[in-house]
Amino acid sequence: MKKIKSIYWVSTGLFSLMMLVIAWSYLAPGQLKAFFSNWGSPEYFRTGLAVAKFAGVIGLLLPVVRGRVKEWLYAGFTITLCSGFITRYAVGDAGGSLMLPLVMLVILIVSYITYRRLNLLMKRREIRYPASMHNRLMPY
């Protein structure tokens, strides 16, 4: 269980850090602002996407966010990354910028799989231990 827990936190932390850097760069003046205008996206879309990424990262990192909410966070990030890949491909970006959403998607998938596995292990432990011990055994 410690191995799964470590993989979960490393993958979630790495993904969250990358998302925070990207969201911050959306708000900062510079190259990404020009990229969004080249893609034909309005100004408010870039700002809204940055705010949504900040909120999503907070939801992924907070242990009190569980269940369907966390599932929807994973789904939202998956849709965002797939859309980012499609947009970059349609505009004609190549190389590393085209592969970045796919690499991040792989890291997100690892985080999701380990999250699900941790939840499954915790449900099995709830059956073996009384509810009073449940709070001490929570993995996150």
N, C-alpha and C. Protein backbone atom coordinates (compact mmCIF):
# COMPACT_ATOMS: atom_id res chain seq x y z
N MET A 1 0.82 -1.19 0.00
CA MET A 1 0.00 0.00 0.00
C MET A 1 0.87 1.26 0.00
N LYS A 2 2.03 1.20 0.66
CA LYS A 2 2.91 2.37 0.68
C LYS A 2 3.42 2.70 -0.71
N LYS A 3 3.69 1.66 -1.50
CA LYS A 3 4.17 1.88 -2.87
C LYS A 3 3.11 2.58 -3.71
N ILE A 4 1.88 2.12 -3.60
CA ILE A 4 0.78 2.72 -4.35
C ILE A 4 0.55 4.15 -3.89
N LYS A 5 0.61 4.35 -2.59
CA LYS A 5 0.43 5.69 -2.04
C LYS A 5 1.52 6.64 -2.53
N SER A 6 2.75 6.16 -2.58
CA SER A 6 3.86 6.98 -3.06
C SER A 6 3.70 7.31 -4.54
N ILE A 7 3.32 6.33 -5.34
CA ILE A 7 3.10 6.58 -6.76
C ILE A 7 1.98 7.58 -6.96
N TYR A 8 0.92 7.44 -6.16
CA TYR A 8 -0.20 8.38 -6.26
C TYR A 8 0.25 9.81 -5.98
N TRP A 9 0.95 10.01 -4.87
CA TRP A 9 1.33 11.38 -4.51
C TRP A 9 2.38 11.96 -5.45
N VAL A 10 3.30 11.15 -5.93
CA VAL A 10 4.31 11.65 -6.88
C VAL A 10 3.64 12.04 -8.20
N SER A 11 2.79 11.17 -8.73
CA SER A 11 2.14 11.48 -10.01
C SER A 11 1.17 12.66 -9.87
N THR A 12 0.41 12.69 -8.79
CA THR A 12 -0.53 13.80 -8.58
C THR A 12 0.22 15.10 -8.35
N GLY A 13 1.29 15.04 -7.58
CA GLY A 13 2.09 16.25 -7.33
C GLY A 13 2.75 16.77 -8.59
N LEU A 14 3.31 15.88 -9.39
CA LEU A 14 3.95 16.29 -10.64
C LEU A 14 2.93 16.88 -11.61
N PHE A 15 1.79 16.22 -11.74
CA PHE A 15 0.74 16.75 -12.62
C PHE A 15 0.25 18.10 -12.13
N SER A 16 0.03 18.22 -10.84
CA SER A 16 -0.46 19.48 -10.27
C SER A 16 0.54 20.61 -10.47
N LEU A 17 1.81 20.31 -10.27
CA LEU A 17 2.84 21.33 -10.47
C LEU A 17 2.85 21.81 -11.92
N MET A 18 2.78 20.88 -12.86
CA MET A 18 2.77 21.26 -14.27
C MET A 18 1.52 22.07 -14.62
N MET A 19 0.39 21.68 -14.07
CA MET A 19 -0.85 22.44 -14.33
C MET A 19 -0.78 23.84 -13.73
N LEU A 20 -0.21 23.96 -12.54
CA LEU A 20 -0.09 25.29 -11.93
C LEU A 20 0.82 26.20 -12.75
N VAL A 21 1.92 25.66 -13.24
CA VAL A 21 2.83 26.46 -14.06
C VAL A 21 2.13 26.91 -15.34
N ILE A 22 1.40 26.01 -15.97
CA ILE A 22 0.68 26.35 -17.20
C ILE A 22 -0.41 27.37 -16.92
N ALA A 23 -1.17 27.18 -15.86
CA ALA A 23 -2.25 28.12 -15.52
C ALA A 23 -1.67 29.50 -15.21
N TRP A 24 -0.55 29.53 -14.50
CA TRP A 24 0.09 30.81 -14.19
C TRP A 24 0.56 31.49 -15.48
N SER A 25 1.09 30.72 -16.40
CA SER A 25 1.56 31.31 -17.66
C SER A 25 0.40 31.81 -18.52
N TYR A 26 -0.80 31.25 -18.34
CA TYR A 26 -1.96 31.76 -19.06
C TYR A 26 -2.28 33.19 -18.62
N LEU A 27 -2.06 33.46 -17.35
CA LEU A 27 -2.40 34.78 -16.81
C LEU A 27 -1.29 35.81 -17.01
N ALA A 28 -0.07 35.35 -17.18
CA ALA A 28 1.06 36.26 -17.36
C ALA A 28 1.11 36.74 -18.81
N PRO A 29 1.49 38.00 -19.01
CA PRO A 29 1.65 38.46 -20.40
C PRO A 29 2.86 37.80 -21.03
N GLY A 30 2.73 37.42 -22.27
CA GLY A 30 3.86 36.77 -22.93
C GLY A 30 3.43 35.93 -24.10
N GLN A 31 4.20 34.88 -24.33
CA GLN A 31 4.00 34.03 -25.51
C GLN A 31 2.65 33.33 -25.55
N LEU A 32 2.22 32.80 -24.42
CA LEU A 32 0.96 32.05 -24.45
C LEU A 32 -0.23 32.94 -24.79
N LYS A 33 -0.14 34.19 -24.42
CA LYS A 33 -1.22 35.12 -24.80
C LYS A 33 -1.29 35.23 -26.32
N ALA A 34 -0.14 35.30 -26.96
CA ALA A 34 -0.10 35.36 -28.43
C ALA A 34 -0.58 34.04 -29.04
N PHE A 35 -0.21 32.91 -28.43
CA PHE A 35 -0.65 31.62 -28.94
C PHE A 35 -2.17 31.52 -28.92
N PHE A 36 -2.79 31.96 -27.83
CA PHE A 36 -4.24 31.88 -27.74
C PHE A 36 -4.91 32.74 -28.81
N SER A 37 -4.36 33.92 -29.09
CA SER A 37 -4.95 34.75 -30.13
C SER A 37 -4.72 34.13 -31.51
N ASN A 38 -3.58 33.46 -31.71
CA ASN A 38 -3.34 32.77 -32.99
C ASN A 38 -4.30 31.60 -33.18
N TRP A 39 -4.69 30.96 -32.09
CA TRP A 39 -5.63 29.84 -32.18
C TRP A 39 -7.06 30.31 -32.39
N GLY A 40 -7.27 31.61 -32.25
CA GLY A 40 -8.60 32.15 -32.45
C GLY A 40 -9.45 32.14 -31.19
N SER A 41 -8.84 31.94 -30.03
CA SER A 41 -9.59 31.90 -28.77
C SER A 41 -9.76 33.32 -28.23
N PRO A 42 -10.93 33.62 -27.67
CA PRO A 42 -11.12 34.94 -27.07
C PRO A 42 -10.32 35.09 -25.78
N GLU A 43 -10.11 36.31 -25.35
CA GLU A 43 -9.31 36.63 -24.16
C GLU A 43 -9.90 35.99 -22.90
N TYR A 44 -11.23 36.03 -22.75
CA TYR A 44 -11.85 35.50 -21.54
C TYR A 44 -11.68 33.98 -21.43
N PHE A 45 -11.53 33.29 -22.54
CA PHE A 45 -11.35 31.83 -22.49
C PHE A 45 -10.03 31.47 -21.81
N ARG A 46 -8.98 32.21 -22.12
CA ARG A 46 -7.67 31.96 -21.52
C ARG A 46 -7.73 32.17 -20.00
N THR A 47 -8.38 33.24 -19.58
CA THR A 47 -8.49 33.53 -18.15
C THR A 47 -9.36 32.50 -17.45
N GLY A 48 -10.47 32.14 -18.05
CA GLY A 48 -11.35 31.13 -17.46
C GLY A 48 -10.69 29.77 -17.35
N LEU A 49 -9.91 29.42 -18.35
CA LEU A 49 -9.19 28.15 -18.32
C LEU A 49 -8.14 28.14 -17.21
N ALA A 50 -7.47 29.25 -17.01
CA ALA A 50 -6.47 29.34 -15.94
C ALA A 50 -7.14 29.19 -14.57
N VAL A 51 -8.25 29.87 -14.36
CA VAL A 51 -8.96 29.78 -13.08
C VAL A 51 -9.47 28.36 -12.85
N ALA A 52 -9.99 27.72 -13.89
CA ALA A 52 -10.48 26.34 -13.76
C ALA A 52 -9.33 25.38 -13.43
N LYS A 53 -8.16 25.61 -14.01
CA LYS A 53 -7.01 24.75 -13.71
C LYS A 53 -6.55 24.94 -12.28
N PHE A 54 -6.51 26.18 -11.79
CA PHE A 54 -6.15 26.42 -10.39
C PHE A 54 -7.13 25.72 -9.46
N ALA A 55 -8.43 25.85 -9.73
CA ALA A 55 -9.44 25.20 -8.89
C ALA A 55 -9.34 23.68 -8.95
N GLY A 56 -9.08 23.14 -10.13
CA GLY A 56 -8.95 21.70 -10.29
C GLY A 56 -7.75 21.14 -9.54
N VAL A 57 -6.65 21.85 -9.58
CA VAL A 57 -5.45 21.40 -8.85
C VAL A 57 -5.71 21.41 -7.35
N ILE A 58 -6.38 22.43 -6.86
CA ILE A 58 -6.71 22.46 -5.43
C ILE A 58 -7.58 21.26 -5.07
N GLY A 59 -8.56 20.96 -5.92
CA GLY A 59 -9.43 19.81 -5.68
C GLY A 59 -8.68 18.49 -5.71
N LEU A 60 -7.70 18.36 -6.61
CA LEU A 60 -6.93 17.12 -6.67
C LEU A 60 -6.05 16.94 -5.43
N LEU A 61 -5.51 18.04 -4.94
CA LEU A 61 -4.56 17.93 -3.83
C LEU A 61 -5.21 17.85 -2.45
N LEU A 62 -6.42 18.36 -2.31
CA LEU A 62 -7.07 18.31 -1.00
C LEU A 62 -7.62 16.92 -0.72
N PRO A 63 -7.22 16.32 0.39
CA PRO A 63 -7.70 14.96 0.69
C PRO A 63 -9.18 14.90 1.05
N VAL A 64 -9.79 16.02 1.42
CA VAL A 64 -11.20 15.99 1.78
C VAL A 64 -12.10 15.89 0.56
N VAL A 65 -11.57 16.17 -0.62
CA VAL A 65 -12.35 16.05 -1.86
C VAL A 65 -12.25 14.60 -2.31
N ARG A 66 -13.40 13.92 -2.31
CA ARG A 66 -13.42 12.50 -2.65
C ARG A 66 -14.62 12.18 -3.53
N GLY A 67 -14.68 10.94 -3.90
CA GLY A 67 -15.85 10.42 -4.60
C GLY A 67 -16.05 11.01 -5.98
N ARG A 68 -17.31 11.33 -6.26
CA ARG A 68 -17.67 11.81 -7.59
C ARG A 68 -17.02 13.14 -7.94
N VAL A 69 -16.80 13.98 -6.94
CA VAL A 69 -16.16 15.28 -7.22
C VAL A 69 -14.76 15.05 -7.78
N LYS A 70 -14.02 14.18 -7.13
CA LYS A 70 -12.66 13.91 -7.62
C LYS A 70 -12.71 13.21 -8.98
N GLU A 71 -13.68 12.35 -9.19
CA GLU A 71 -13.83 11.69 -10.49
C GLU A 71 -14.07 12.74 -11.58
N TRP A 72 -14.91 13.74 -11.29
CA TRP A 72 -15.18 14.79 -12.27
C TRP A 72 -13.95 15.67 -12.50
N LEU A 73 -13.14 15.85 -11.48
CA LEU A 73 -11.90 16.61 -11.67
C LEU A 73 -10.98 15.88 -12.65
N TYR A 74 -10.84 14.59 -12.46
CA TYR A 74 -10.03 13.80 -13.39
C TYR A 74 -10.61 13.86 -14.80
N ALA A 75 -11.93 13.76 -14.91
CA ALA A 75 -12.58 13.82 -16.23
C ALA A 75 -12.35 15.18 -16.88
N GLY A 76 -12.48 16.24 -16.10
CA GLY A 76 -12.27 17.58 -16.65
C GLY A 76 -10.86 17.80 -17.15
N PHE A 77 -9.88 17.34 -16.37
CA PHE A 77 -8.49 17.47 -16.82
C PHE A 77 -8.23 16.61 -18.06
N THR A 78 -8.86 15.45 -18.14
CA THR A 78 -8.69 14.60 -19.32
C THR A 78 -9.24 15.29 -20.56
N ILE A 79 -10.41 15.88 -20.44
CA ILE A 79 -11.00 16.61 -21.56
C ILE A 79 -10.13 17.80 -21.95
N THR A 80 -9.61 18.51 -20.97
CA THR A 80 -8.75 19.66 -21.24
C THR A 80 -7.49 19.25 -21.98
N LEU A 81 -6.87 18.15 -21.55
CA LEU A 81 -5.64 17.70 -22.20
C LEU A 81 -5.88 17.19 -23.61
N CYS A 82 -6.98 16.45 -23.80
CA CYS A 82 -7.30 15.97 -25.15
C CYS A 82 -7.62 17.14 -26.07
N SER A 83 -8.35 18.12 -25.56
CA SER A 83 -8.65 19.31 -26.36
C SER A 83 -7.38 20.09 -26.69
N GLY A 84 -6.47 20.17 -25.72
CA GLY A 84 -5.20 20.85 -25.98
C GLY A 84 -4.41 20.17 -27.07
N PHE A 85 -4.39 18.84 -27.05
CA PHE A 85 -3.68 18.10 -28.10
C PHE A 85 -4.32 18.34 -29.47
N ILE A 86 -5.64 18.26 -29.53
CA ILE A 86 -6.34 18.45 -30.79
C ILE A 86 -6.12 19.86 -31.33
N THR A 87 -6.18 20.85 -30.45
CA THR A 87 -5.96 22.23 -30.86
C THR A 87 -4.55 22.43 -31.41
N ARG A 88 -3.57 21.90 -30.70
CA ARG A 88 -2.18 22.04 -31.15
C ARG A 88 -1.96 21.33 -32.48
N TYR A 89 -2.57 20.18 -32.65
CA TYR A 89 -2.44 19.45 -33.90
C TYR A 89 -3.11 20.21 -35.05
N ALA A 90 -4.30 20.75 -34.80
CA ALA A 90 -5.04 21.47 -35.84
C ALA A 90 -4.33 22.74 -36.28
N VAL A 91 -3.65 23.40 -35.35
CA VAL A 91 -2.94 24.64 -35.67
C VAL A 91 -1.63 24.36 -36.38
N GLY A 92 -1.10 23.15 -36.20
CA GLY A 92 0.14 22.79 -36.89
C GLY A 92 1.36 22.82 -36.01
N ASP A 93 1.17 22.87 -34.68
CA ASP A 93 2.33 22.78 -33.78
C ASP A 93 2.97 21.41 -33.94
N ALA A 94 4.25 21.35 -33.69
CA ALA A 94 4.95 20.09 -33.84
C ALA A 94 5.92 19.89 -32.69
N GLY A 95 6.41 18.69 -32.59
CA GLY A 95 7.46 18.38 -31.61
C GLY A 95 6.96 18.34 -30.18
N GLY A 96 7.76 18.95 -29.30
CA GLY A 96 7.50 18.89 -27.87
C GLY A 96 6.19 19.53 -27.46
N SER A 97 5.81 20.62 -28.11
CA SER A 97 4.57 21.27 -27.72
C SER A 97 3.36 20.41 -28.06
N LEU A 98 3.48 19.59 -29.08
CA LEU A 98 2.39 18.69 -29.45
C LEU A 98 2.32 17.50 -28.48
N MET A 99 3.46 17.07 -27.99
CA MET A 99 3.52 15.90 -27.11
C MET A 99 3.22 16.22 -25.64
N LEU A 100 3.36 17.48 -25.25
CA LEU A 100 3.17 17.85 -23.84
C LEU A 100 1.80 17.42 -23.29
N PRO A 101 0.68 17.70 -23.98
CA PRO A 101 -0.60 17.23 -23.43
C PRO A 101 -0.68 15.71 -23.29
N LEU A 102 -0.05 14.98 -24.20
CA LEU A 102 -0.09 13.51 -24.11
C LEU A 102 0.73 12.99 -22.93
N VAL A 103 1.89 13.60 -22.70
CA VAL A 103 2.71 13.21 -21.55
C VAL A 103 1.97 13.51 -20.25
N MET A 104 1.35 14.68 -20.21
CA MET A 104 0.59 15.04 -19.01
C MET A 104 -0.61 14.11 -18.82
N LEU A 105 -1.21 13.67 -19.91
CA LEU A 105 -2.33 12.75 -19.83
C LEU A 105 -1.89 11.40 -19.26
N VAL A 106 -0.73 10.94 -19.64
CA VAL A 106 -0.20 9.68 -19.08
C VAL A 106 0.01 9.82 -17.57
N ILE A 107 0.57 10.93 -17.14
CA ILE A 107 0.79 11.16 -15.70
C ILE A 107 -0.55 11.23 -14.98
N LEU A 108 -1.54 11.88 -15.59
CA LEU A 108 -2.87 11.96 -14.99
C LEU A 108 -3.51 10.57 -14.88
N ILE A 109 -3.33 9.74 -15.87
CA ILE A 109 -3.88 8.39 -15.85
C ILE A 109 -3.24 7.56 -14.73
N VAL A 110 -1.93 7.70 -14.55
CA VAL A 110 -1.25 7.00 -13.45
C VAL A 110 -1.83 7.47 -12.11
N SER A 111 -2.03 8.78 -11.97
CA SER A 111 -2.61 9.31 -10.74
C SER A 111 -4.01 8.74 -10.50
N TYR A 112 -4.82 8.70 -11.55
CA TYR A 112 -6.19 8.20 -11.43
C TYR A 112 -6.23 6.72 -11.06
N ILE A 113 -5.40 5.91 -11.72
CA ILE A 113 -5.39 4.48 -11.43
C ILE A 113 -4.97 4.21 -9.99
N THR A 114 -3.95 4.92 -9.52
CA THR A 114 -3.52 4.71 -8.14
C THR A 114 -4.54 5.26 -7.14
N TYR A 115 -5.24 6.34 -7.50
CA TYR A 115 -6.32 6.86 -6.65
C TYR A 115 -7.42 5.81 -6.49
N ARG A 116 -7.82 5.20 -7.60
CA ARG A 116 -8.85 4.16 -7.54
C ARG A 116 -8.39 2.95 -6.74
N ARG A 117 -7.14 2.57 -6.92
CA ARG A 117 -6.61 1.42 -6.19
C ARG A 117 -6.57 1.71 -4.68
N LEU A 118 -6.17 2.91 -4.30
CA LEU A 118 -6.16 3.28 -2.88
C LEU A 118 -7.57 3.23 -2.29
N ASN A 119 -8.54 3.72 -3.03
CA ASN A 119 -9.92 3.66 -2.55
C ASN A 119 -10.39 2.23 -2.38
N LEU A 120 -10.03 1.37 -3.31
CA LEU A 120 -10.40 -0.05 -3.21
C LEU A 120 -9.76 -0.69 -1.98
N LEU A 121 -8.49 -0.40 -1.75
CA LEU A 121 -7.81 -0.95 -0.57
C LEU A 121 -8.45 -0.44 0.72
N MET A 122 -8.86 0.81 0.73
CA MET A 122 -9.49 1.36 1.93
C MET A 122 -10.85 0.72 2.18
N LYS A 123 -11.60 0.44 1.15
CA LYS A 123 -12.89 -0.22 1.32
C LYS A 123 -12.69 -1.62 1.89
N ARG A 124 -11.66 -2.31 1.45
CA ARG A 124 -11.37 -3.64 2.00
C ARG A 124 -10.98 -3.54 3.46
N ARG A 125 -10.25 -2.51 3.83
CA ARG A 125 -9.86 -2.33 5.24
C ARG A 125 -11.05 -1.99 6.11
N GLU A 126 -12.02 -1.25 5.58
CA GLU A 126 -13.21 -0.91 6.36
C GLU A 126 -13.95 -2.16 6.79
N ILE A 127 -13.90 -3.18 5.96
CA ILE A 127 -14.58 -4.43 6.30
C ILE A 127 -13.86 -5.13 7.45
N ARG A 128 -12.53 -5.06 7.46
CA ARG A 128 -11.75 -5.76 8.48
C ARG A 128 -11.65 -5.02 9.81
N TYR A 129 -11.69 -3.69 9.77
CA TYR A 129 -11.49 -2.90 10.99
C TYR A 129 -12.76 -2.16 11.35
N PRO A 130 -12.95 -1.90 12.64
CA PRO A 130 -14.13 -1.13 13.04
C PRO A 130 -14.02 0.32 12.55
N ALA A 131 -15.16 1.00 12.54
CA ALA A 131 -15.21 2.37 12.02
C ALA A 131 -14.32 3.32 12.81
N SER A 132 -14.10 3.07 14.09
CA SER A 132 -13.26 3.96 14.89
C SER A 132 -11.81 3.96 14.41
N MET A 133 -11.37 2.86 13.84
CA MET A 133 -10.00 2.78 13.34
C MET A 133 -9.89 3.33 11.93
N HIS A 134 -10.99 3.51 11.26
CA HIS A 134 -11.00 3.92 9.86
C HIS A 134 -10.27 5.27 9.67
N ASN A 135 -10.51 6.22 10.56
CA ASN A 135 -9.91 7.54 10.40
C ASN A 135 -8.38 7.49 10.51
N ARG A 136 -7.86 6.58 11.31
CA ARG A 136 -6.41 6.49 11.44
C ARG A 136 -5.75 5.79 10.26
N LEU A 137 -6.55 5.05 9.49
CA LEU A 137 -5.99 4.28 8.39
C LEU A 137 -6.14 4.96 7.03
N MET A 138 -6.78 6.13 6.99
CA MET A 138 -6.97 6.80 5.71
C MET A 138 -5.62 7.11 5.07
N PRO A 139 -5.45 6.81 3.79
CA PRO A 139 -4.15 6.99 3.14
C PRO A 139 -3.84 8.44 2.83
N TYR A 140 -4.83 9.31 2.84
CA TYR A 140 -4.58 10.70 2.48
C TYR A 140 -5.59 11.61 3.11
